[in-house]
Amino acid sequence: MKLLITAAVLSATILTAPAMALSIDTSNLTRTLTFPSPITEPVTQDQVKPAK
């Protein structure tokens, strides 16, 4: 079983090596996340009161 797994890994590595050598551009597979800038709000002492 160990020999079978080793052979499978080595053959997969050999078969995928040409595809990795092509260096296919994968930068467009996921979107770039952008976040809006936070809105600054004035904080006053009377605005929020903790519950007792």
PDB file of N, CA and C in Angstrom:
ATOM      1  N   MET A   1       0.828  -1.189   0.000  1.00  0.00           N
ATOM      2  CA  MET A   1       0.000   0.000   0.000  1.00  0.00           C
ATOM      3  C   MET A   1       0.872   1.251   0.000  1.00  0.00           C
ATOM      4  N   LYS A   2       1.951   1.211   0.781  1.00  0.00           N
ATOM      5  CA  LYS A   2       2.846   2.355   0.849  1.00  0.00           C
ATOM      6  C   LYS A   2       3.504   2.597  -0.510  1.00  0.00           C
ATOM      7  N   LEU A   3       3.846   1.524  -1.198  1.00  0.00           N
ATOM      8  CA  LEU A   3       4.461   1.627  -2.520  1.00  0.00           C
ATOM      9  C   LEU A   3       3.473   2.209  -3.539  1.00  0.00           C
ATOM     10  N   LEU A   4       2.203   1.854  -3.411  1.00  0.00           N
ATOM     11  CA  LEU A   4       1.180   2.363  -4.316  1.00  0.00           C
ATOM     12  C   LEU A   4       0.989   3.872  -4.140  1.00  0.00           C
ATOM     13  N   ILE A   5       0.958   4.330  -2.895  1.00  0.00           N
ATOM     14  CA  ILE A   5       0.795   5.760  -2.623  1.00  0.00           C
ATOM     15  C   ILE A   5       2.014   6.536  -3.118  1.00  0.00           C
ATOM     16  N   THR A   6       3.199   6.001  -2.890  1.00  0.00           N
ATOM     17  CA  THR A   6       4.413   6.657  -3.360  1.00  0.00           C
ATOM     18  C   THR A   6       4.419   6.750  -4.879  1.00  0.00           C
ATOM     19  N   ALA A   7       4.031   5.684  -5.560  1.00  0.00           N
ATOM     20  CA  ALA A   7       3.985   5.693  -7.018  1.00  0.00           C
ATOM     21  C   ALA A   7       2.947   6.692  -7.529  1.00  0.00           C
ATOM     22  N   ALA A   8       1.814   6.784  -6.863  1.00  0.00           N
ATOM     23  CA  ALA A   8       0.770   7.726  -7.280  1.00  0.00           C
ATOM     24  C   ALA A   8       1.231   9.171  -7.112  1.00  0.00           C
ATOM     25  N   VAL A   9       1.886   9.471  -6.013  1.00  0.00           N
ATOM     26  CA  VAL A   9       2.374  10.832  -5.773  1.00  0.00           C
ATOM     27  C   VAL A   9       3.455  11.203  -6.781  1.00  0.00           C
ATOM     28  N   LEU A  10       4.373  10.300  -7.026  1.00  0.00           N
ATOM     29  CA  LEU A  10       5.448  10.587  -7.988  1.00  0.00           C
ATOM     30  C   LEU A  10       4.903  10.747  -9.399  1.00  0.00           C
ATOM     31  N   SER A  11       3.954   9.921  -9.794  1.00  0.00           N
ATOM     32  CA  SER A  11       3.405  10.047 -11.140  1.00  0.00           C
ATOM     33  C   SER A  11       2.576  11.322 -11.278  1.00  0.00           C
ATOM     34  N   ALA A  12       1.863  11.700 -10.237  1.00  0.00           N
ATOM     35  CA  ALA A  12       1.100  12.954 -10.288  1.00  0.00           C
ATOM     36  C   ALA A  12       2.038  14.151 -10.373  1.00  0.00           C
ATOM     37  N   THR A  13       3.163  14.083  -9.664  1.00  0.00           N
ATOM     38  CA  THR A  13       4.137  15.172  -9.719  1.00  0.00           C
ATOM     39  C   THR A  13       4.745  15.288 -11.110  1.00  0.00           C
ATOM     40  N   ILE A  14       5.059  14.176 -11.701  1.00  0.00           N
ATOM     41  CA  ILE A  14       5.658  14.185 -13.038  1.00  0.00           C
ATOM     42  C   ILE A  14       4.652  14.672 -14.082  1.00  0.00           C
ATOM     43  N   LEU A  15       3.390  14.294 -13.930  1.00  0.00           N
ATOM     44  CA  LEU A  15       2.379  14.696 -14.905  1.00  0.00           C
ATOM     45  C   LEU A  15       1.991  16.169 -14.784  1.00  0.00           C
ATOM     46  N   THR A  16       2.050  16.729 -13.580  1.00  0.00           N
ATOM     47  CA  THR A  16       1.654  18.127 -13.397  1.00  0.00           C
ATOM     48  C   THR A  16       2.803  19.094 -13.553  1.00  0.00           C
ATOM     49  N   ALA A  17       4.022  18.600 -13.652  1.00  0.00           N
ATOM     50  CA  ALA A  17       5.174  19.494 -13.792  1.00  0.00           C
ATOM     51  C   ALA A  17       5.094  20.365 -15.042  1.00  0.00           C
ATOM     52  N   PRO A  18       4.712  19.844 -16.211  1.00  0.00           N
ATOM     53  CA  PRO A  18       4.607  20.728 -17.379  1.00  0.00           C
ATOM     54  C   PRO A  18       3.560  21.822 -17.216  1.00  0.00           C
ATOM     55  N   ALA A  19       2.464  21.515 -16.548  1.00  0.00           N
ATOM     56  CA  ALA A  19       1.428  22.530 -16.331  1.00  0.00           C
ATOM     57  C   ALA A  19       1.934  23.625 -15.407  1.00  0.00           C
ATOM     58  N   MET A  20       2.731  23.261 -14.411  1.00  0.00           N
ATOM     59  CA  MET A  20       3.290  24.276 -13.516  1.00  0.00           C
ATOM     60  C   MET A  20       4.359  25.095 -14.221  1.00  0.00           C
ATOM     61  N   ALA A  21       5.052  24.493 -15.182  1.00  0.00           N
ATOM     62  CA  ALA A  21       6.101  25.207 -15.895  1.00  0.00           C
ATOM     63  C   ALA A  21       5.526  26.258 -16.833  1.00  0.00           C
ATOM     64  N   LEU A  22       4.266  26.117 -17.221  1.00  0.00           N
ATOM     65  CA  LEU A  22       3.650  27.112 -18.096  1.00  0.00           C
ATOM     66  C   LEU A  22       3.358  28.415 -17.360  1.00  0.00           C
ATOM     67  N   SER A  23       3.383  28.371 -16.075  1.00  0.00           N
ATOM     68  CA  SER A  23       3.078  29.503 -15.183  1.00  0.00           C
ATOM     69  C   SER A  23       1.811  30.229 -15.619  1.00  0.00           C
ATOM     70  N   ILE A  24       0.715  29.520 -15.567  1.00  0.00           N
ATOM     71  CA  ILE A  24      -0.577  30.073 -15.940  1.00  0.00           C
ATOM     72  C   ILE A  24      -0.970  31.144 -14.932  1.00  0.00           C
ATOM     73  N   ASP A  25      -1.454  32.272 -15.446  1.00  0.00           N
ATOM     74  CA  ASP A  25      -1.835  33.393 -14.582  1.00  0.00           C
ATOM     75  C   ASP A  25      -3.121  33.047 -13.835  1.00  0.00           C
ATOM     76  N   THR A  26      -3.051  33.000 -12.532  1.00  0.00           N
ATOM     77  CA  THR A  26      -4.225  32.683 -11.718  1.00  0.00           C
ATOM     78  C   THR A  26      -4.680  33.881 -10.891  1.00  0.00           C
ATOM     79  N   SER A  27      -4.215  35.073 -11.218  1.00  0.00           N
ATOM     80  CA  SER A  27      -4.571  36.237 -10.417  1.00  0.00           C
ATOM     81  C   SER A  27      -6.018  36.666 -10.629  1.00  0.00           C
ATOM     82  N   ASN A  28      -6.650  36.246 -11.721  1.00  0.00           N
ATOM     83  CA  ASN A  28      -8.027  36.667 -11.963  1.00  0.00           C
ATOM     84  C   ASN A  28      -9.042  35.648 -11.448  1.00  0.00           C
ATOM     85  N   LEU A  29      -8.619  34.637 -10.722  1.00  0.00           N
ATOM     86  CA  LEU A  29      -9.557  33.644 -10.204  1.00  0.00           C
ATOM     87  C   LEU A  29     -10.353  34.158  -9.016  1.00  0.00           C
ATOM     88  N   THR A  30      -9.749  35.024  -8.217  1.00  0.00           N
ATOM     89  CA  THR A  30     -10.457  35.578  -7.064  1.00  0.00           C
ATOM     90  C   THR A  30     -10.488  37.091  -7.172  1.00  0.00           C
ATOM     91  N   ARG A  31     -11.542  37.663  -6.671  1.00  0.00           N
ATOM     92  CA  ARG A  31     -11.666  39.115  -6.706  1.00  0.00           C
ATOM     93  C   ARG A  31     -10.811  39.755  -5.619  1.00  0.00           C
ATOM     94  N   THR A  32     -10.380  40.968  -5.891  1.00  0.00           N
ATOM     95  CA  THR A  32      -9.653  41.743  -4.891  1.00  0.00           C
ATOM     96  C   THR A  32     -10.671  42.389  -3.957  1.00  0.00           C
ATOM     97  N   LEU A  33     -10.507  42.140  -2.677  1.00  0.00           N
ATOM     98  CA  LEU A  33     -11.436  42.707  -1.710  1.00  0.00           C
ATOM     99  C   LEU A  33     -11.050  44.137  -1.381  1.00  0.00           C
ATOM    100  N   THR A  34     -12.012  45.023  -1.460  1.00  0.00           N
ATOM    101  CA  THR A  34     -11.792  46.411  -1.064  1.00  0.00           C
ATOM    102  C   THR A  34     -12.837  46.763  -0.019  1.00  0.00           C
ATOM    103  N   PHE A  35     -12.427  47.491   0.974  1.00  0.00           N
ATOM    104  CA  PHE A  35     -13.317  47.871   2.051  1.00  0.00           C
ATOM    105  C   PHE A  35     -13.456  49.390   2.075  1.00  0.00           C
ATOM    106  N   PRO A  36     -14.648  49.885   2.320  1.00  0.00           N
ATOM    107  CA  PRO A  36     -14.820  51.341   2.387  1.00  0.00           C
ATOM    108  C   PRO A  36     -14.155  51.920   3.632  1.00  0.00           C
ATOM    109  N   SER A  37     -13.777  53.152   3.526  1.00  0.00           N
ATOM    110  CA  SER A  37     -13.156  53.784   4.691  1.00  0.00           C
ATOM    111  C   SER A  37     -14.235  54.049   5.742  1.00  0.00           C
ATOM    112  N   PRO A  38     -13.918  53.875   7.012  1.00  0.00           N
ATOM    113  CA  PRO A  38     -14.927  54.072   8.059  1.00  0.00           C
ATOM    114  C   PRO A  38     -15.310  55.546   8.190  1.00  0.00           C
ATOM    115  N   ILE A  39     -16.565  55.767   8.498  1.00  0.00           N
ATOM    116  CA  ILE A  39     -17.057  57.135   8.681  1.00  0.00           C
ATOM    117  C   ILE A  39     -16.779  57.555  10.121  1.00  0.00           C
ATOM    118  N   THR A  40     -16.155  58.679  10.256  1.00  0.00           N
ATOM    119  CA  THR A  40     -15.868  59.162  11.610  1.00  0.00           C
ATOM    120  C   THR A  40     -17.091  59.901  12.135  1.00  0.00           C
ATOM    121  N   GLU A  41     -17.548  59.498  13.285  1.00  0.00           N
ATOM    122  CA  GLU A  41     -18.692  60.133  13.924  1.00  0.00           C
ATOM    123  C   GLU A  41     -18.229  60.723  15.248  1.00  0.00           C
ATOM    124  N   PRO A  42     -18.719  61.881  15.564  1.00  0.00           N
ATOM    125  CA  PRO A  42     -18.329  62.469  16.848  1.00  0.00           C
ATOM    126  C   PRO A  42     -18.875  61.646  18.011  1.00  0.00           C
ATOM    127  N   VAL A  43     -18.066  61.435  18.987  1.00  0.00           N
ATOM    128  CA  VAL A  43     -18.475  60.661  20.155  1.00  0.00           C
ATOM    129  C   VAL A  43     -18.650  61.623  21.321  1.00  0.00           C
ATOM    130  N   THR A  44     -19.809  61.569  21.888  1.00  0.00           N
ATOM    131  CA  THR A  44     -20.068  62.420  23.052  1.00  0.00           C
ATOM    132  C   THR A  44     -20.327  61.531  24.257  1.00  0.00           C
ATOM    133  N   GLN A  45     -20.216  62.113  25.395  1.00  0.00           N
ATOM    134  CA  GLN A  45     -20.392  61.346  26.629  1.00  0.00           C
ATOM    135  C   GLN A  45     -21.852  60.974  26.829  1.00  0.00           C
ATOM    136  N   ASP A  46     -22.787  61.767  26.350  1.00  0.00           N
ATOM    137  CA  ASP A  46     -24.205  61.521  26.557  1.00  0.00           C
ATOM    138  C   ASP A  46     -24.793  60.567  25.519  1.00  0.00           C
ATOM    139  N   GLN A  47     -24.070  60.244  24.477  1.00  0.00           N
ATOM    140  CA  GLN A  47     -24.629  59.446  23.397  1.00  0.00           C
ATOM    141  C   GLN A  47     -24.908  57.996  23.812  1.00  0.00           C
ATOM    142  N   VAL A  48     -23.970  57.379  24.499  1.00  0.00           N
ATOM    143  CA  VAL A  48     -24.134  55.979  24.897  1.00  0.00           C
ATOM    144  C   VAL A  48     -24.003  55.877  26.417  1.00  0.00           C
ATOM    145  N   LYS A  49     -25.008  55.253  27.034  1.00  0.00           N
ATOM    146  CA  LYS A  49     -24.948  55.058  28.476  1.00  0.00           C
ATOM    147  C   LYS A  49     -25.032  53.569  28.744  1.00  0.00           C
ATOM    148  N   PRO A  50     -24.109  53.012  29.501  1.00  0.00           N
ATOM    149  CA  PRO A  50     -24.131  51.563  29.771  1.00  0.00           C
ATOM    150  C   PRO A  50     -25.330  51.202  30.653  1.00  0.00           C
ATOM    151  N   ALA A  51     -25.885  50.035  30.403  1.00  0.00           N
ATOM    152  CA  ALA A  51     -27.011  49.558  31.211  1.00  0.00           C
ATOM    153  C   ALA A  51     -26.514  49.097  32.579  1.00  0.00           C
ATOM    154  N   LYS A  52     -27.299  49.371  33.584  1.00  0.00           N
ATOM    155  CA  LYS A  52     -26.911  48.989  34.945  1.00  0.00           C
ATOM    156  C   LYS A  52     -27.670  47.781  35.386  1.00  0.00           C
TER     157      LYS A  52
END
